PDB file of all heavy atoms in Angstrom:
ATOM      1  N   TYR A   1       0.818  -1.214  -0.026  1.00  0.00           N
ATOM      2  CA  TYR A   1      -0.027   0.014   0.020  1.00  0.00           C
ATOM      3  C   TYR A   1       0.873   1.253   0.004  1.00  0.00           C
ATOM      4  O   TYR A   1       0.576   2.211  -0.764  1.00  0.00           O
ATOM      5  CB  TYR A   1      -0.950  -0.007   1.203  1.00  0.00           C
ATOM      6  CG  TYR A   1      -2.022   0.991   1.085  1.00  0.00           C
ATOM      7  CD1 TYR A   1      -3.076   0.795   0.200  1.00  0.00           C
ATOM      8  CD2 TYR A   1      -1.957   2.229   1.741  1.00  0.00           C
ATOM      9  CE1 TYR A   1      -4.120   1.782   0.059  1.00  0.00           C
ATOM     10  CE2 TYR A   1      -2.991   3.173   1.590  1.00  0.00           C
ATOM     11  CZ  TYR A   1      -4.044   2.939   0.743  1.00  0.00           C
ATOM     12  OH  TYR A   1      -4.992   3.880   0.575  1.00  0.00           O
ATOM     13  N   PHE A   2       1.896   1.275   0.871  1.00  0.00           N
ATOM     14  CA  PHE A   2       2.769   2.451   0.940  1.00  0.00           C
ATOM     15  C   PHE A   2       3.515   2.683  -0.463  1.00  0.00           C
ATOM     16  O   PHE A   2       3.526   3.778  -0.962  1.00  0.00           O
ATOM     17  CB  PHE A   2       3.851   2.231   2.005  1.00  0.00           C
ATOM     18  CG  PHE A   2       3.463   2.832   3.278  1.00  0.00           C
ATOM     19  CD1 PHE A   2       2.567   2.173   4.062  1.00  0.00           C
ATOM     20  CD2 PHE A   2       3.975   4.020   3.766  1.00  0.00           C
ATOM     21  CE1 PHE A   2       2.173   2.691   5.302  1.00  0.00           C
ATOM     22  CE2 PHE A   2       3.617   4.598   4.934  1.00  0.00           C
ATOM     23  CZ  PHE A   2       2.699   3.896   5.701  1.00  0.00           C
ATOM     24  N   TYR A   3       4.074   1.592  -1.045  1.00  0.00           N
ATOM     25  CA  TYR A   3       4.814   1.732  -2.301  1.00  0.00           C
ATOM     26  C   TYR A   3       3.845   2.187  -3.361  1.00  0.00           C
ATOM     27  O   TYR A   3       4.237   3.052  -4.247  1.00  0.00           O
ATOM     28  CB  TYR A   3       5.544   0.455  -2.635  1.00  0.00           C
ATOM     29  CG  TYR A   3       6.742   0.226  -1.841  1.00  0.00           C
ATOM     30  CD1 TYR A   3       6.933  -0.882  -0.950  1.00  0.00           C
ATOM     31  CD2 TYR A   3       7.773   1.133  -1.788  1.00  0.00           C
ATOM     32  CE1 TYR A   3       8.032  -1.088  -0.218  1.00  0.00           C
ATOM     33  CE2 TYR A   3       8.932   1.020  -1.016  1.00  0.00           C
ATOM     34  CZ  TYR A   3       9.020  -0.067  -0.223  1.00  0.00           C
ATOM     35  OH  TYR A   3      10.115  -0.263   0.611  1.00  0.00           O
ATOM     36  N   SER A   4       2.673   1.717  -3.464  1.00  0.00           N
ATOM     37  CA  SER A   4       1.718   2.121  -4.490  1.00  0.00           C
ATOM     38  C   SER A   4       1.379   3.633  -4.340  1.00  0.00           C
ATOM     39  O   SER A   4       1.256   4.286  -5.326  1.00  0.00           O
ATOM     40  CB  SER A   4       0.483   1.226  -4.552  1.00  0.00           C
ATOM     41  OG  SER A   4      -0.281   1.440  -3.432  1.00  0.00           O
ATOM     42  N   ARG A   5       1.196   4.019  -3.121  1.00  0.00           N
ATOM     43  CA  ARG A   5       0.824   5.465  -2.817  1.00  0.00           C
ATOM     44  C   ARG A   5       2.044   6.376  -3.170  1.00  0.00           C
ATOM     45  O   ARG A   5       1.839   7.462  -3.726  1.00  0.00           O
ATOM     46  CB  ARG A   5       0.458   5.691  -1.367  1.00  0.00           C
ATOM     47  CG  ARG A   5      -0.802   4.927  -0.945  1.00  0.00           C
ATOM     48  CD  ARG A   5      -2.078   5.593  -1.522  1.00  0.00           C
ATOM     49  NE  ARG A   5      -2.119   6.887  -0.920  1.00  0.00           N
ATOM     50  CZ  ARG A   5      -3.155   7.749  -1.106  1.00  0.00           C
ATOM     51  NH1 ARG A   5      -4.145   7.394  -1.852  1.00  0.00           N
ATOM     52  NH2 ARG A   5      -3.198   8.922  -0.520  1.00  0.00           N
ATOM     53  N   LEU A   6       3.271   5.914  -2.794  1.00  0.00           N
ATOM     54  CA  LEU A   6       4.405   6.732  -3.065  1.00  0.00           C
ATOM     55  C   LEU A   6       4.737   6.836  -4.588  1.00  0.00           C
ATOM     56  O   LEU A   6       5.234   7.860  -5.030  1.00  0.00           O
ATOM     57  CB  LEU A   6       5.657   6.276  -2.325  1.00  0.00           C
ATOM     58  CG  LEU A   6       5.574   6.454  -0.749  1.00  0.00           C
ATOM     59  CD1 LEU A   6       6.700   5.785  -0.093  1.00  0.00           C
ATOM     60  CD2 LEU A   6       5.457   7.893  -0.379  1.00  0.00           C
ATOM     61  N   GLU A   7       4.467   5.715  -5.276  1.00  0.00           N
ATOM     62  CA  GLU A   7       4.714   5.696  -6.745  1.00  0.00           C
ATOM     63  C   GLU A   7       3.786   6.687  -7.427  1.00  0.00           C
ATOM     64  O   GLU A   7       4.214   7.306  -8.474  1.00  0.00           O
ATOM     65  CB  GLU A   7       4.469   4.262  -7.296  1.00  0.00           C
ATOM     66  CG  GLU A   7       5.648   3.416  -7.325  1.00  0.00           C
ATOM     67  CD  GLU A   7       5.403   2.080  -7.952  1.00  0.00           C
ATOM     68  OE1 GLU A   7       4.219   1.741  -8.258  1.00  0.00           O
ATOM     69  OE2 GLU A   7       6.334   1.330  -8.184  1.00  0.00           O
ATOM     70  N   GLU A   8       2.600   6.954  -6.969  1.00  0.00           N
ATOM     71  CA  GLU A   8       1.663   7.861  -7.536  1.00  0.00           C
ATOM     72  C   GLU A   8       2.210   9.283  -7.585  1.00  0.00           C
ATOM     73  O   GLU A   8       1.798  10.106  -8.375  1.00  0.00           O
ATOM     74  CB  GLU A   8       0.330   7.822  -6.777  1.00  0.00           C
ATOM     75  CG  GLU A   8      -0.469   6.602  -6.906  1.00  0.00           C
ATOM     76  CD  GLU A   8      -1.669   6.621  -5.993  1.00  0.00           C
ATOM     77  OE1 GLU A   8      -1.970   7.644  -5.253  1.00  0.00           O
ATOM     78  OE2 GLU A   8      -2.406   5.550  -5.992  1.00  0.00           O
ATOM     79  N   LYS A   9       3.069   9.589  -6.630  1.00  0.00           N
ATOM     80  CA  LYS A   9       3.613  10.962  -6.519  1.00  0.00           C
ATOM     81  C   LYS A   9       4.464  11.392  -7.646  1.00  0.00           C
ATOM     82  O   LYS A   9       4.647  12.584  -7.953  1.00  0.00           O
ATOM     83  CB  LYS A   9       4.312  11.142  -5.170  1.00  0.00           C
ATOM     84  CG  LYS A   9       3.458  10.880  -3.939  1.00  0.00           C
ATOM     85  CD  LYS A   9       2.265  11.803  -3.909  1.00  0.00           C
ATOM     86  CE  LYS A   9       1.378  11.467  -2.724  1.00  0.00           C
ATOM     87  NZ  LYS A   9       0.146  12.208  -2.670  1.00  0.00           N
ATOM     88  N   GLN A  10       5.173  10.490  -8.258  1.00  0.00           N
ATOM     89  CA  GLN A  10       6.138  10.696  -9.416  1.00  0.00           C
ATOM     90  C   GLN A  10       7.061  11.875  -9.105  1.00  0.00           C
ATOM     91  O   GLN A  10       7.118  12.902  -9.767  1.00  0.00           O
ATOM     92  CB  GLN A  10       5.312  11.049 -10.652  1.00  0.00           C
ATOM     93  CG  GLN A  10       4.431   9.930 -11.191  1.00  0.00           C
ATOM     94  CD  GLN A  10       5.308   8.825 -11.756  1.00  0.00           C
ATOM     95  OE1 GLN A  10       6.306   9.079 -12.443  1.00  0.00           O
ATOM     96  NE2 GLN A  10       4.873   7.562 -11.435  1.00  0.00           N
ATOM     97  N   PRO A  11       7.884  11.698  -7.998  1.00  0.00           N
ATOM     98  CA  PRO A  11       8.808  12.823  -7.649  1.00  0.00           C
ATOM     99  C   PRO A  11       9.929  12.929  -8.652  1.00  0.00           C
ATOM    100  O   PRO A  11      10.296  12.026  -9.315  1.00  0.00           O
ATOM    101  CB  PRO A  11       9.322  12.349  -6.298  1.00  0.00           C
ATOM    102  CG  PRO A  11       9.212  10.863  -6.284  1.00  0.00           C
ATOM    103  CD  PRO A  11       8.019  10.560  -7.121  1.00  0.00           C
ATOM    104  N   VAL A  12      10.453  14.161  -8.789  1.00  0.00           N
ATOM    105  CA  VAL A  12      11.594  14.422  -9.620  1.00  0.00           C
ATOM    106  C   VAL A  12      12.765  14.800  -8.678  1.00  0.00           C
ATOM    107  O   VAL A  12      12.625  15.611  -7.795  1.00  0.00           O
ATOM    108  CB  VAL A  12      11.306  15.584 -10.546  1.00  0.00           C
ATOM    109  CG1 VAL A  12      12.552  15.943 -11.399  1.00  0.00           C
ATOM    110  CG2 VAL A  12      10.092  15.257 -11.437  1.00  0.00           C
ATOM    111  N   VAL A  13      13.939  14.112  -8.943  1.00  0.00           N
ATOM    112  CA  VAL A  13      15.134  14.376  -8.091  1.00  0.00           C
ATOM    113  C   VAL A  13      16.282  14.885  -8.980  1.00  0.00           C
ATOM    114  O   VAL A  13      16.322  14.600 -10.140  1.00  0.00           O
ATOM    115  CB  VAL A  13      15.580  13.099  -7.300  1.00  0.00           C
ATOM    116  CG1 VAL A  13      14.457  12.733  -6.335  1.00  0.00           C
ATOM    117  CG2 VAL A  13      15.810  11.927  -8.243  1.00  0.00           C
ATOM    118  N   THR A  14      17.214  15.587  -8.310  1.00  0.00           N
ATOM    119  CA  THR A  14      18.374  16.060  -9.072  1.00  0.00           C
ATOM    120  C   THR A  14      19.601  15.182  -8.863  1.00  0.00           C
ATOM    121  O   THR A  14      20.555  15.203  -9.682  1.00  0.00           O
ATOM    122  CB  THR A  14      18.730  17.472  -8.592  1.00  0.00           C
ATOM    123  OG1 THR A  14      18.961  17.460  -7.225  1.00  0.00           O
ATOM    124  CG2 THR A  14      17.630  18.470  -8.985  1.00  0.00           C
ATOM    125  N   GLU A  15      19.607  14.311  -7.808  1.00  0.00           N
ATOM    126  CA  GLU A  15      20.671  13.372  -7.520  1.00  0.00           C
ATOM    127  C   GLU A  15      20.020  11.984  -7.326  1.00  0.00           C
ATOM    128  O   GLU A  15      18.857  11.890  -6.907  1.00  0.00           O
ATOM    129  CB  GLU A  15      21.383  13.755  -6.222  1.00  0.00           C
ATOM    130  CG  GLU A  15      22.148  15.043  -6.255  1.00  0.00           C
ATOM    131  CD  GLU A  15      22.748  15.286  -4.863  1.00  0.00           C
ATOM    132  OE1 GLU A  15      23.415  14.382  -4.339  1.00  0.00           O
ATOM    133  OE2 GLU A  15      22.581  16.459  -4.364  1.00  0.00           O
ATOM    134  N   ALA A  16      20.822  10.962  -7.657  1.00  0.00           N
ATOM    135  CA  ALA A  16      20.388   9.569  -7.470  1.00  0.00           C
ATOM    136  C   ALA A  16      20.182   9.334  -5.942  1.00  0.00           C
ATOM    137  O   ALA A  16      21.005   9.799  -5.108  1.00  0.00           O
ATOM    138  CB  ALA A  16      21.287   8.588  -8.038  1.00  0.00           C
ATOM    139  N   ILE A  17      19.112   8.609  -5.559  1.00  0.00           N
ATOM    140  CA  ILE A  17      18.905   8.226  -4.162  1.00  0.00           C
ATOM    141  C   ILE A  17      18.811   6.682  -4.138  1.00  0.00           C
ATOM    142  O   ILE A  17      18.071   6.107  -4.959  1.00  0.00           O
ATOM    143  CB  ILE A  17      17.566   8.857  -3.646  1.00  0.00           C
ATOM    144  CG1 ILE A  17      17.567  10.393  -3.735  1.00  0.00           C
ATOM    145  CG2 ILE A  17      17.361   8.411  -2.228  1.00  0.00           C
ATOM    146  CD1 ILE A  17      16.283  10.991  -3.328  1.00  0.00           C
ATOM    147  N   ASP A  18      19.489   6.150  -3.183  1.00  0.00           N
ATOM    148  CA  ASP A  18      19.357   4.679  -2.895  1.00  0.00           C
ATOM    149  C   ASP A  18      19.484   4.594  -1.382  1.00  0.00           C
ATOM    150  O   ASP A  18      20.582   4.421  -0.875  1.00  0.00           O
ATOM    151  CB  ASP A  18      20.382   3.872  -3.640  1.00  0.00           C
ATOM    152  CG  ASP A  18      20.219   2.396  -3.445  1.00  0.00           C
ATOM    153  OD1 ASP A  18      19.220   2.011  -2.827  1.00  0.00           O
ATOM    154  OD2 ASP A  18      21.088   1.634  -3.915  1.00  0.00           O
ATOM    155  N   ASP A  19      18.421   4.694  -0.689  1.00  0.00           N
ATOM    156  CA  ASP A  19      18.443   4.799   0.783  1.00  0.00           C
ATOM    157  C   ASP A  19      17.249   4.077   1.395  1.00  0.00           C
ATOM    158  O   ASP A  19      16.314   3.847   0.703  1.00  0.00           O
ATOM    159  CB  ASP A  19      18.492   6.242   1.243  1.00  0.00           C
ATOM    160  CG  ASP A  19      19.025   6.452   2.602  1.00  0.00           C
ATOM    161  OD1 ASP A  19      19.377   5.480   3.283  1.00  0.00           O
ATOM    162  OD2 ASP A  19      19.093   7.636   3.087  1.00  0.00           O
ATOM    163  N   THR A  20      17.287   3.801   2.689  1.00  0.00           N
ATOM    164  CA  THR A  20      16.167   3.259   3.386  1.00  0.00           C
ATOM    165  C   THR A  20      15.841   4.078   4.530  1.00  0.00           C
ATOM    166  O   THR A  20      16.732   4.468   5.351  1.00  0.00           O
ATOM    167  CB  THR A  20      16.637   1.797   3.873  1.00  0.00           C
ATOM    168  OG1 THR A  20      17.025   1.001   2.815  1.00  0.00           O
ATOM    169  CG2 THR A  20      15.444   1.188   4.593  1.00  0.00           C
ATOM    170  N   LEU A  21      14.613   4.454   4.647  1.00  0.00           N
ATOM    171  CA  LEU A  21      14.138   5.156   5.836  1.00  0.00           C
ATOM    172  C   LEU A  21      13.309   4.222   6.692  1.00  0.00           C
ATOM    173  O   LEU A  21      12.916   3.161   6.214  1.00  0.00           O
ATOM    174  CB  LEU A  21      13.246   6.413   5.387  1.00  0.00           C
ATOM    175  CG  LEU A  21      11.968   6.164   4.595  1.00  0.00           C
ATOM    176  CD1 LEU A  21      10.834   5.995   5.574  1.00  0.00           C
ATOM    177  CD2 LEU A  21      11.782   7.408   3.721  1.00  0.00           C
ATOM    178  N   TYR A  22      13.239   4.544   7.944  1.00  0.00           N
ATOM    179  CA  TYR A  22      12.551   3.656   8.853  1.00  0.00           C
ATOM    180  C   TYR A  22      11.339   4.372   9.449  1.00  0.00           C
ATOM    181  O   TYR A  22      11.438   5.447  10.041  1.00  0.00           O
ATOM    182  CB  TYR A  22      13.431   3.177  10.017  1.00  0.00           C
ATOM    183  CG  TYR A  22      14.464   2.241   9.460  1.00  0.00           C
ATOM    184  CD1 TYR A  22      15.790   2.727   9.104  1.00  0.00           C
ATOM    185  CD2 TYR A  22      14.280   0.923   9.252  1.00  0.00           C
ATOM    186  CE1 TYR A  22      16.743   1.895   8.546  1.00  0.00           C
ATOM    187  CE2 TYR A  22      15.158   0.052   8.775  1.00  0.00           C
ATOM    188  CZ  TYR A  22      16.431   0.566   8.443  1.00  0.00           C
ATOM    189  OH  TYR A  22      17.411  -0.286   7.855  1.00  0.00           O
ATOM    190  N   LEU A  23      10.171   3.769   9.190  1.00  0.00           N
ATOM    191  CA  LEU A  23       8.899   4.337   9.644  1.00  0.00           C
ATOM    192  C   LEU A  23       8.468   3.480  10.829  1.00  0.00           C
ATOM    193  O   LEU A  23       8.391   2.231  10.682  1.00  0.00           O
ATOM    194  CB  LEU A  23       7.931   4.205   8.534  1.00  0.00           C
ATOM    195  CG  LEU A  23       6.478   4.542   8.829  1.00  0.00           C
ATOM    196  CD1 LEU A  23       6.319   6.068   8.876  1.00  0.00           C
ATOM    197  CD2 LEU A  23       5.570   4.006   7.772  1.00  0.00           C
ATOM    198  N   TYR A  24       8.085   4.062  11.973  1.00  0.00           N
ATOM    199  CA  TYR A  24       7.552   3.373  13.148  1.00  0.00           C
ATOM    200  C   TYR A  24       6.109   3.599  13.052  1.00  0.00           C
ATOM    201  O   TYR A  24       5.590   4.673  13.340  1.00  0.00           O
ATOM    202  CB  TYR A  24       8.145   3.843  14.437  1.00  0.00           C
ATOM    203  CG  TYR A  24       9.629   3.456  14.527  1.00  0.00           C
ATOM    204  CD1 TYR A  24      10.643   4.140  13.917  1.00  0.00           C
ATOM    205  CD2 TYR A  24       9.960   2.279  15.256  1.00  0.00           C
ATOM    206  CE1 TYR A  24      11.992   3.798  13.992  1.00  0.00           C
ATOM    207  CE2 TYR A  24      11.332   1.876  15.303  1.00  0.00           C
ATOM    208  CZ  TYR A  24      12.243   2.695  14.707  1.00  0.00           C
ATOM    209  OH  TYR A  24      13.583   2.235  14.771  1.00  0.00           O
ATOM    210  N   LEU A  25       5.319   2.522  12.706  1.00  0.00           N
ATOM    211  CA  LEU A  25       3.887   2.578  12.444  1.00  0.00           C
ATOM    212  C   LEU A  25       3.223   2.074  13.783  1.00  0.00           C
ATOM    213  O   LEU A  25       3.478   0.965  14.196  1.00  0.00           O
ATOM    214  CB  LEU A  25       3.473   1.776  11.294  1.00  0.00           C
ATOM    215  CG  LEU A  25       1.995   1.774  10.963  1.00  0.00           C
ATOM    216  CD1 LEU A  25       1.532   3.120  10.564  1.00  0.00           C
ATOM    217  CD2 LEU A  25       1.720   0.737   9.787  1.00  0.00           C
ATOM    218  N   ARG A  26       2.354   2.951  14.307  1.00  0.00           N
ATOM    219  CA  ARG A  26       1.643   2.547  15.573  1.00  0.00           C
ATOM    220  C   ARG A  26       0.151   2.282  15.219  1.00  0.00           C
ATOM    221  O   ARG A  26      -0.391   3.059  14.585  1.00  0.00           O
ATOM    222  CB  ARG A  26       1.691   3.767  16.578  1.00  0.00           C
ATOM    223  CG  ARG A  26       1.049   3.495  17.825  1.00  0.00           C
ATOM    224  CD  ARG A  26       1.297   4.720  18.752  1.00  0.00           C
ATOM    225  NE  ARG A  26       0.779   4.494  20.071  1.00  0.00           N
ATOM    226  CZ  ARG A  26      -0.458   4.793  20.494  1.00  0.00           C
ATOM    227  NH1 ARG A  26      -1.273   5.319  19.611  1.00  0.00           N
ATOM    228  NH2 ARG A  26      -0.797   4.516  21.784  1.00  0.00           N
ATOM    229  N   ILE A  27      -0.256   1.098  15.683  1.00  0.00           N
ATOM    230  CA  ILE A  27      -1.714   0.810  15.504  1.00  0.00           C
ATOM    231  C   ILE A  27      -2.341   0.732  16.867  1.00  0.00           C
ATOM    232  O   ILE A  27      -1.904   0.012  17.783  1.00  0.00           O
ATOM    233  CB  ILE A  27      -1.822  -0.661  14.883  1.00  0.00           C
ATOM    234  CG1 ILE A  27      -0.941  -0.834  13.672  1.00  0.00           C
ATOM    235  CG2 ILE A  27      -3.287  -0.973  14.577  1.00  0.00           C
ATOM    236  CD1 ILE A  27      -1.289   0.000  12.486  1.00  0.00           C
ATOM    237  N   SER A  28      -3.343   1.584  17.084  1.00  0.00           N
ATOM    238  CA  SER A  28      -3.981   1.745  18.407  1.00  0.00           C
ATOM    239  C   SER A  28      -4.835   0.519  18.703  1.00  0.00           C
ATOM    240  O   SER A  28      -5.082  -0.355  17.837  1.00  0.00           O
ATOM    241  CB  SER A  28      -4.848   2.991  18.444  1.00  0.00           C
ATOM    242  OG  SER A  28      -6.023   2.771  17.754  1.00  0.00           O
ATOM    243  N   GLU A  29      -5.314   0.454  19.889  1.00  0.00           N
ATOM    244  CA  GLU A  29      -6.168  -0.596  20.341  1.00  0.00           C
ATOM    245  C   GLU A  29      -7.533  -0.543  19.636  1.00  0.00           C
ATOM    246  O   GLU A  29      -8.310  -1.506  19.654  1.00  0.00           O
ATOM    247  CB  GLU A  29      -6.322  -0.636  21.845  1.00  0.00           C
ATOM    248  CG  GLU A  29      -7.152   0.527  22.427  1.00  0.00           C
ATOM    249  CD  GLU A  29      -6.173   1.774  22.685  1.00  0.00           C
ATOM    250  OE1 GLU A  29      -4.978   1.693  22.431  1.00  0.00           O
ATOM    251  OE2 GLU A  29      -6.766   2.832  23.144  1.00  0.00           O
ATOM    252  N   ARG A  30      -7.819   0.532  18.892  1.00  0.00           N
ATOM    253  CA  ARG A  30      -9.027   0.667  18.134  1.00  0.00           C
ATOM    254  C   ARG A  30      -8.749   0.402  16.645  1.00  0.00           C
ATOM    255  O   ARG A  30      -9.681   0.593  15.802  1.00  0.00           O
ATOM    256  CB  ARG A  30      -9.678   1.994  18.358  1.00  0.00           C
ATOM    257  CG  ARG A  30     -10.145   2.165  19.736  1.00  0.00           C
ATOM    258  CD  ARG A  30     -11.019   3.390  20.022  1.00  0.00           C
ATOM    259  NE  ARG A  30     -10.801   4.516  19.056  1.00  0.00           N
ATOM    260  CZ  ARG A  30     -10.490   5.697  19.402  1.00  0.00           C
ATOM    261  NH1 ARG A  30     -10.389   6.015  20.585  1.00  0.00           N
ATOM    262  NH2 ARG A  30     -10.388   6.609  18.480  1.00  0.00           N
ATOM    263  N   GLY A  31      -7.522   0.097  16.299  1.00  0.00           N
ATOM    264  CA  GLY A  31      -7.130  -0.183  14.915  1.00  0.00           C
ATOM    265  C   GLY A  31      -6.802   1.082  14.058  1.00  0.00           C
ATOM    266  O   GLY A  31      -6.772   1.008  12.879  1.00  0.00           O
ATOM    267  N   ILE A  32      -6.507   2.206  14.758  1.00  0.00           N
ATOM    268  CA  ILE A  32      -6.267   3.410  14.045  1.00  0.00           C
ATOM    269  C   ILE A  32      -4.683   3.550  13.910  1.00  0.00           C
ATOM    270  O   ILE A  32      -3.927   3.561  14.862  1.00  0.00           O
ATOM    271  CB  ILE A  32      -6.758   4.609  14.838  1.00  0.00           C
ATOM    272  CG1 ILE A  32      -8.288   4.491  14.995  1.00  0.00           C
ATOM    273  CG2 ILE A  32      -6.323   5.976  14.236  1.00  0.00           C
ATOM    274  CD1 ILE A  32      -8.933   5.437  15.923  1.00  0.00           C
ATOM    275  N   PRO A  33      -4.248   3.609  12.648  1.00  0.00           N
ATOM    276  CA  PRO A  33      -2.783   3.691  12.361  1.00  0.00           C
ATOM    277  C   PRO A  33      -2.347   5.179  12.502  1.00  0.00           C
ATOM    278  O   PRO A  33      -3.013   6.136  12.198  1.00  0.00           O
ATOM    279  CB  PRO A  33      -2.698   3.302  10.939  1.00  0.00           C
ATOM    280  CG  PRO A  33      -4.046   3.636  10.305  1.00  0.00           C
ATOM    281  CD  PRO A  33      -5.066   3.495  11.422  1.00  0.00           C
ATOM    282  N   ALA A  34      -1.081   5.310  12.933  1.00  0.00           N
ATOM    283  CA  ALA A  34      -0.453   6.600  13.045  1.00  0.00           C
ATOM    284  C   ALA A  34       1.056   6.421  12.954  1.00  0.00           C
ATOM    285  O   ALA A  34       1.581   5.377  13.344  1.00  0.00           O
ATOM    286  CB  ALA A  34      -0.856   7.351  14.339  1.00  0.00           C
ATOM    287  N   ILE A  35       1.782   7.493  12.526  1.00  0.00           N
ATOM    288  CA  ILE A  35       3.181   7.436  12.488  1.00  0.00           C
ATOM    289  C   ILE A  35       3.651   7.775  13.825  1.00  0.00           C
ATOM    290  O   ILE A  35       3.436   8.874  14.392  1.00  0.00           O
ATOM    291  CB  ILE A  35       3.726   8.376  11.400  1.00  0.00           C
ATOM    292  CG1 ILE A  35       3.380   7.864  10.020  1.00  0.00           C
ATOM    293  CG2 ILE A  35       5.286   8.444  11.529  1.00  0.00           C
ATOM    294  CD1 ILE A  35       3.771   8.829   8.867  1.00  0.00           C
ATOM    295  N   ASP A  36       4.435   6.886  14.478  1.00  0.00           N
ATOM    296  CA  ASP A  36       5.032   7.126  15.740  1.00  0.00           C
ATOM    297  C   ASP A  36       6.250   8.039  15.613  1.00  0.00           C
ATOM    298  O   ASP A  36       6.452   8.997  16.239  1.00  0.00           O
ATOM    299  CB  ASP A  36       5.360   5.868  16.457  1.00  0.00           C
ATOM    300  CG  ASP A  36       5.767   5.960  17.941  1.00  0.00           C
ATOM    301  OD1 ASP A  36       5.038   6.712  18.637  1.00  0.00           O
ATOM    302  OD2 ASP A  36       6.742   5.401  18.330  1.00  0.00           O
ATOM    303  N   SER A  37       7.173   7.628  14.590  1.00  0.00           N
ATOM    304  CA  SER A  37       8.282   8.420  14.299  1.00  0.00           C
ATOM    305  C   SER A  37       8.838   7.937  12.930  1.00  0.00           C
ATOM    306  O   SER A  37       8.498   6.882  12.485  1.00  0.00           O
ATOM    307  CB  SER A  37       9.399   8.295  15.381  1.00  0.00           C
ATOM    308  OG  SER A  37       9.890   6.993  15.457  1.00  0.00           O
ATOM    309  N   VAL A  38       9.719   8.734  12.364  1.00  0.00           N
ATOM    310  CA  VAL A  38      10.329   8.378  11.090  1.00  0.00           C
ATOM    311  C   VAL A  38      11.738   8.808  11.094  1.00  0.00           C
ATOM    312  O   VAL A  38      12.085   9.891  11.558  1.00  0.00           O
ATOM    313  CB  VAL A  38       9.629   9.096   9.842  1.00  0.00           C
ATOM    314  CG1 VAL A  38      10.245   8.683   8.521  1.00  0.00           C
ATOM    315  CG2 VAL A  38       8.092   8.944   9.853  1.00  0.00           C
ATOM    316  N   HIS A  39      12.613   7.897  10.732  1.00  0.00           N
ATOM    317  CA  HIS A  39      14.061   8.218  10.627  1.00  0.00           C
ATOM    318  C   HIS A  39      14.407   8.308   9.090  1.00  0.00           C
ATOM    319  O   HIS A  39      14.477   7.257   8.414  1.00  0.00           O
ATOM    320  CB  HIS A  39      14.872   7.121  11.346  1.00  0.00           C
ATOM    321  CG  HIS A  39      14.575   7.043  12.729  1.00  0.00           C
ATOM    322  ND1 HIS A  39      15.081   7.962  13.722  1.00  0.00           N
ATOM    323  CD2 HIS A  39      13.787   6.218  13.500  1.00  0.00           C
ATOM    324  CE1 HIS A  39      14.628   7.643  14.907  1.00  0.00           C
ATOM    325  NE2 HIS A  39      13.786   6.636  14.804  1.00  0.00           N
ATOM    326  N   ILE A  40      14.738   9.546   8.693  1.00  0.00           N
ATOM    327  CA  ILE A  40      15.014   9.787   7.269  1.00  0.00           C
ATOM    328  C   ILE A  40      16.354  10.475   7.149  1.00  0.00           C
ATOM    329  O   ILE A  40      16.661  11.500   7.863  1.00  0.00           O
ATOM    330  CB  ILE A  40      13.919  10.706   6.705  1.00  0.00           C
ATOM    331  CG1 ILE A  40      12.490  10.144   6.902  1.00  0.00           C
ATOM    332  CG2 ILE A  40      14.208  10.876   5.226  1.00  0.00           C
ATOM    333  CD1 ILE A  40      11.408  11.098   6.400  1.00  0.00           C
ATOM    334  N   ASP A  41      17.175  10.056   6.230  1.00  0.00           N
ATOM    335  CA  ASP A  41      18.484  10.615   5.988  1.00  0.00           C
ATOM    336  C   ASP A  41      18.301  12.019   5.410  1.00  0.00           C
ATOM    337  O   ASP A  41      17.321  12.233   4.651  1.00  0.00           O
ATOM    338  CB  ASP A  41      19.258   9.760   4.948  1.00  0.00           C
ATOM    339  CG  ASP A  41      20.730  10.204   4.793  1.00  0.00           C
ATOM    340  OD1 ASP A  41      21.471   9.977   5.678  1.00  0.00           O
ATOM    341  OD2 ASP A  41      20.941  10.830   3.777  1.00  0.00           O
ATOM    342  N   SER A  42      19.244  12.952   5.723  1.00  0.00           N
ATOM    343  CA  SER A  42      19.121  14.343   5.285  1.00  0.00           C
ATOM    344  C   SER A  42      19.121  14.441   3.731  1.00  0.00           C
ATOM    345  O   SER A  42      18.439  15.290   3.159  1.00  0.00           O
ATOM    346  CB  SER A  42      20.223  15.165   5.858  1.00  0.00           C
ATOM    347  OG  SER A  42      21.468  14.646   5.461  1.00  0.00           O
ATOM    348  N   LEU A  43      19.889  13.571   3.002  1.00  0.00           N
ATOM    349  CA  LEU A  43      19.873  13.619   1.552  1.00  0.00           C
ATOM    350  C   LEU A  43      18.438  13.324   1.004  1.00  0.00           C
ATOM    351  O   LEU A  43      18.005  14.041   0.053  1.00  0.00           O
ATOM    352  CB  LEU A  43      20.839  12.473   0.998  1.00  0.00           C
ATOM    353  CG  LEU A  43      20.786  12.307  -0.511  1.00  0.00           C
ATOM    354  CD1 LEU A  43      21.234  13.600  -1.272  1.00  0.00           C
ATOM    355  CD2 LEU A  43      21.624  11.104  -0.962  1.00  0.00           C
TER     356      LEU A  43
END
């Protein structure tokens, strides 16, 4: 689901990127998803 949503954005970059970011996804006791935190490289 994430990859399909991000692919829709069709971003344009000036430098090549090959990186991994870490998303901490929290699911509440009611089933509500939220981003707890994200670790993204500055590039």
